[in-house]
C-alpha atoms as a PDB file:
ATOM      1  CA  MET A   1      65.300  42.593 -16.116  1.00  0.00           C
ATOM      2  CA  ASP A   2      67.103  39.268 -16.425  1.00  0.00           C
ATOM      3  CA  SER A   3      65.013  36.350 -15.147  1.00  0.00           C
ATOM      4  CA  GLU A   4      68.078  34.140 -14.527  1.00  0.00           C
ATOM      5  CA  ASN A   5      70.335  34.231 -11.496  1.00  0.00           C
ATOM      6  CA  THR A   6      74.018  33.346 -11.269  1.00  0.00           C
ATOM      7  CA  PHE A   7      73.181  29.620 -11.094  1.00  0.00           C
ATOM      8  CA  GLY A   8      71.346  29.692 -14.435  1.00  0.00           C
ATOM      9  CA  LEU A   9      67.941  29.192 -12.821  1.00  0.00           C
ATOM     10  CA  LYS A  10      65.061  30.865 -14.600  1.00  0.00           C
ATOM     11  CA  LYS A  11      62.132  32.443 -12.760  1.00  0.00           C
ATOM     12  CA  ALA A  12      58.626  31.279 -13.614  1.00  0.00           C
ATOM     13  CA  MET A  13      56.444  33.590 -15.696  1.00  0.00           C
ATOM     14  CA  PRO A  14      54.774  36.386 -13.682  1.00  0.00           C
ATOM     15  CA  ASP A  15      51.275  34.913 -14.083  1.00  0.00           C
ATOM     16  CA  GLU A  16      52.531  31.563 -12.725  1.00  0.00           C
ATOM     17  CA  VAL A  17      54.262  33.267  -9.785  1.00  0.00           C
ATOM     18  CA  SER A  18      51.015  35.133  -9.082  1.00  0.00           C
ATOM     19  CA  ARG A  19      49.064  31.840  -9.137  1.00  0.00           C
ATOM     20  CA  ARG A  20      51.563  30.277  -6.727  1.00  0.00           C
ATOM     21  CA  CYS A  21      51.268  33.271  -4.387  1.00  0.00           C
ATOM     22  CA  GLN A  22      47.469  32.952  -4.424  1.00  0.00           C
ATOM     23  CA  LEU A  23      47.743  29.224  -3.819  1.00  0.00           C
ATOM     24  CA  ALA A  24      50.161  29.708  -0.908  1.00  0.00           C
ATOM     25  CA  GLU A  25      47.909  32.338   0.687  1.00  0.00           C
ATOM     26  CA  GLN A  26      44.812  30.156   0.290  1.00  0.00           C
ATOM     27  CA  VAL A  27      46.691  27.220   1.874  1.00  0.00           C
ATOM     28  CA  ARG A  28      47.764  29.466   4.757  1.00  0.00           C
ATOM     29  CA  GLN A  29      44.212  30.651   5.364  1.00  0.00           C
ATOM     30  CA  ASP A  30      42.623  27.213   5.093  1.00  0.00           C
ATOM     31  CA  LEU A  31      45.132  25.346   7.251  1.00  0.00           C
ATOM     32  CA  SER A  32      45.150  28.142   9.849  1.00  0.00           C
ATOM     33  CA  ALA A  33      41.345  27.936   9.964  1.00  0.00           C
ATOM     34  CA  SER A  34      41.724  24.171  10.449  1.00  0.00           C
ATOM     35  CA  GLY A  35      43.711  24.802  13.620  1.00  0.00           C
ATOM     36  CA  LEU A  36      47.309  24.406  12.442  1.00  0.00           C
ATOM     37  CA  THR A  37      49.926  26.957  13.355  1.00  0.00           C
ATOM     38  CA  VAL A  38      51.175  28.303  10.032  1.00  0.00           C
ATOM     39  CA  HIS A  39      54.291  30.447  10.082  1.00  0.00           C
ATOM     40  CA  ARG A  40      54.890  33.128   7.532  1.00  0.00           C
ATOM     41  CA  THR A  41      58.252  33.486   5.825  1.00  0.00           C
ATOM     42  CA  ASP A  42      60.021  36.584   4.614  1.00  0.00           C
ATOM     43  CA  GLU A  43      61.209  37.180   1.043  1.00  0.00           C
ATOM     44  CA  ARG A  44      64.368  35.129   1.746  1.00  0.00           C
ATOM     45  CA  GLY A  45      62.337  32.157   2.999  1.00  0.00           C
ATOM     46  CA  VAL A  46      63.254  32.706   6.658  1.00  0.00           C
ATOM     47  CA  THR A  47      60.510  31.538   9.008  1.00  0.00           C
ATOM     48  CA  LEU A  48      58.984  34.314  11.075  1.00  0.00           C
ATOM     49  CA  GLY A  49      57.949  33.211  14.540  1.00  0.00           C
ATOM     50  CA  GLU A  50      59.000  30.473  16.918  1.00  0.00           C
ATOM     51  CA  GLY A  51      57.702  27.100  17.881  1.00  0.00           C
ATOM     52  CA  GLY A  52      56.468  24.212  15.843  1.00  0.00           C
ATOM     53  CA  GLY A  53      54.001  24.294  13.038  1.00  0.00           C
ATOM     54  CA  LEU A  54      53.828  24.572   9.312  1.00  0.00           C
ATOM     55  CA  LYS A  55      56.127  26.614   7.093  1.00  0.00           C
ATOM     56  CA  ILE A  56      55.028  27.532   3.570  1.00  0.00           C
ATOM     57  CA  GLU A  57      57.768  27.830   0.969  1.00  0.00           C
ATOM     58  CA  LEU A  58      57.094  29.544  -2.349  1.00  0.00           C
ATOM     59  CA  ASP A  59      59.663  28.467  -4.936  1.00  0.00           C
ATOM     60  CA  ASP A  60      59.294  30.843  -7.886  1.00  0.00           C
ATOM     61  CA  PHE A  61      61.708  29.145 -10.260  1.00  0.00           C
ATOM     62  CA  ASP A  62      60.653  27.510 -13.525  1.00  0.00           C
ATOM     63  CA  ASP A  63      62.021  24.045 -12.830  1.00  0.00           C
ATOM     64  CA  ALA A  64      60.972  20.741 -11.260  1.00  0.00           C
ATOM     65  CA  GLY A  65      61.303  22.250  -7.780  1.00  0.00           C
ATOM     66  CA  GLY A  66      59.129  25.260  -8.475  1.00  0.00           C
ATOM     67  CA  GLY A  67      55.818  25.586  -6.687  1.00  0.00           C
ATOM     68  CA  VAL A  68      54.272  25.728  -3.229  1.00  0.00           C
ATOM     69  CA  TRP A  69      55.872  23.513  -0.590  1.00  0.00           C
ATOM     70  CA  LEU A  70      54.801  22.813   2.979  1.00  0.00           C
ATOM     71  CA  HIS A  71      57.303  21.830   5.656  1.00  0.00           C
ATOM     72  CA  TRP A  72      56.379  20.639   9.141  1.00  0.00           C
ATOM     73  CA  GLN A  73      58.558  22.278  11.773  1.00  0.00           C
ATOM     74  CA  LEU A  74      59.195  20.688  15.138  1.00  0.00           C
ATOM     75  CA  HIS A  75      59.269  22.986  18.134  1.00  0.00           C
ATOM     76  CA  THR A  76      62.509  24.957  18.432  1.00  0.00           C
ATOM     77  CA  ARG A  77      63.612  22.992  21.527  1.00  0.00           C
ATOM     78  CA  THR A  78      63.092  19.686  19.716  1.00  0.00           C
ATOM     79  CA  GLN A  79      64.993  20.954  16.663  1.00  0.00           C
ATOM     80  CA  GLU A  80      67.890  21.883  18.954  1.00  0.00           C
ATOM     81  CA  GLY A  81      67.842  18.384  20.490  1.00  0.00           C
ATOM     82  CA  VAL A  82      67.916  16.788  17.033  1.00  0.00           C
ATOM     83  CA  ARG A  83      70.861  18.984  15.970  1.00  0.00           C
ATOM     84  CA  ALA A  84      72.735  18.145  19.169  1.00  0.00           C
ATOM     85  CA  ALA A  85      72.232  14.381  18.678  1.00  0.00           C
ATOM     86  CA  LEU A  86      73.451  14.650  15.087  1.00  0.00           C
ATOM     87  CA  GLN A  87      76.504  16.682  16.114  1.00  0.00           C
ATOM     88  CA  ARG A  88      77.338  14.039  18.726  1.00  0.00           C
ATOM     89  CA  GLY A  89      76.994  11.339  16.070  1.00  0.00           C
ATOM     90  CA  GLN A  90      74.263   9.571  18.021  1.00  0.00           C
ATOM     91  CA  ALA A  91      72.324   8.083  15.113  1.00  0.00           C
ATOM     92  CA  ASP A  92      70.467   5.775  17.527  1.00  0.00           C
ATOM     93  CA  ASP A  93      69.120   8.634  19.654  1.00  0.00           C
ATOM     94  CA  PRO A  94      65.363   8.022  20.149  1.00  0.00           C
ATOM     95  CA  LEU A  95      64.704  11.712  19.433  1.00  0.00           C
ATOM     96  CA  LEU A  96      66.014  11.281  15.868  1.00  0.00           C
ATOM     97  CA  LYS A  97      63.672   8.367  15.209  1.00  0.00           C
ATOM     98  CA  ALA A  98      60.730  10.220  16.734  1.00  0.00           C
ATOM     99  CA  ALA A  99      61.493  13.349  14.690  1.00  0.00           C
ATOM    100  CA  SER A 100      61.722  11.380  11.436  1.00  0.00           C
ATOM    101  CA  GLN A 101      58.454   9.579  12.125  1.00  0.00           C
ATOM    102  CA  THR A 102      56.764  12.850  13.075  1.00  0.00           C
ATOM    103  CA  TYR A 103      57.821  14.489   9.790  1.00  0.00           C
ATOM    104  CA  ARG A 104      56.560  11.527   7.780  1.00  0.00           C
ATOM    105  CA  HIS A 105      53.224  11.246   9.623  1.00  0.00           C
ATOM    106  CA  MET A 106      52.605  14.991   9.540  1.00  0.00           C
ATOM    107  CA  ALA A 107      53.158  15.072   5.773  1.00  0.00           C
ATOM    108  CA  THR A 108      50.535  12.333   5.376  1.00  0.00           C
ATOM    109  CA  ALA A 109      48.107  14.157   7.690  1.00  0.00           C
ATOM    110  CA  ILE A 110      48.615  17.477   5.890  1.00  0.00           C
ATOM    111  CA  ILE A 111      47.935  15.839   2.513  1.00  0.00           C
ATOM    112  CA  ALA A 112      44.738  14.330   3.941  1.00  0.00           C
ATOM    113  CA  MET A 113      43.647  17.745   5.251  1.00  0.00           C
ATOM    114  CA  LEU A 114      44.420  19.446   1.947  1.00  0.00           C
ATOM    115  CA  THR A 115      42.567  16.771  -0.020  1.00  0.00           C
ATOM    116  CA  THR A 116      39.527  17.214   2.215  1.00  0.00           C
ATOM    117  CA  LEU A 117      39.695  20.971   1.533  1.00  0.00           C
ATOM    118  CA  GLY A 118      39.737  20.402  -2.233  1.00  0.00           C
ATOM    119  CA  TYR A 119      43.447  20.715  -2.956  1.00  0.00           C
ATOM    120  CA  LYS A 120      45.634  18.455  -5.024  1.00  0.00           C
ATOM    121  CA  ALA A 121      48.824  17.700  -3.077  1.00  0.00           C
ATOM    122  CA  GLU A 122      51.507  15.035  -2.945  1.00  0.00           C
ATOM    123  CA  HIS A 123      54.474  13.808  -0.948  1.00  0.00           C
ATOM    124  CA  SER A 124      57.740  15.331  -2.081  1.00  0.00           C
ATOM    125  CA  ARG A 125      59.826  13.529  -4.669  1.00  0.00           C
ATOM    126  CA  ASP A 126      62.566  16.141  -4.230  1.00  0.00           C
ATOM    127  CA  ASP A 127      65.703  14.869  -2.467  1.00  0.00           C
ATOM    128  CA  TYR A 128      66.261  18.357  -1.034  1.00  0.00           C
ATOM    129  CA  ARG A 129      62.784  18.379   0.528  1.00  0.00           C
ATOM    130  CA  PRO A 130      62.421  14.791   1.787  1.00  0.00           C
ATOM    131  CA  HIS A 131      59.476  15.280   4.152  1.00  0.00           C
ATOM    132  CA  ALA A 132      57.755  18.170   2.405  1.00  0.00           C
ATOM    133  CA  VAL A 133      54.321  18.317   0.836  1.00  0.00           C
ATOM    134  CA  ARG A 134      53.934  19.825  -2.610  1.00  0.00           C
ATOM    135  CA  VAL A 135      50.658  21.670  -3.159  1.00  0.00           C
ATOM    136  CA  ILE A 136      49.767  21.407  -6.811  1.00  0.00           C
ATOM    137  CA  ALA A 137      46.368  23.003  -7.205  1.00  0.00           C
ATOM    138  CA  HIS A 138      43.145  24.228  -5.680  1.00  0.00           C
ATOM    139  CA  PRO A 139      39.914  24.252  -7.736  1.00  0.00           C
ATOM    140  CA  ASP A 140      39.443  28.006  -7.209  1.00  0.00           C
ATOM    141  CA  ILE A 141      42.968  28.984  -8.326  1.00  0.00           C
ATOM    142  CA  HIS A 142      43.603  28.384 -12.011  1.00  0.00           C
ATOM    143  CA  VAL A 143      46.532  28.760 -14.353  1.00  0.00           C
ATOM    144  CA  ARG A 144      45.915  31.761 -16.593  1.00  0.00           C
END
């Protein structure tokens, strides 16, 4: 089986993908137990469920973007309002500012929660994931 797709991206080694899956599941369990709504995603990365909350993305490629990513999701109605303001070209819409600040503050809060729970996590440095949190490690889940 070829581990590269048509874009030349290479999948991470199976043991690394397994570690990331364990890490993502542990994050889901711990943050759900902390009271956050955590949405599952299907194999294509599509969020299952409605409303706001946390989405966990598992990137299984062997590149700088590979790993476990957390994305805060605004409620569906708010997301629709943000899209509508953008489509109208209303860059000064207060909803856009509030949404941006919410994403930024939630990322900081999620990192604080993860750190308290023993994880190593950081703000995204990925331009394609500007407000995401990257989960790097948990003391109970090791690289094999």
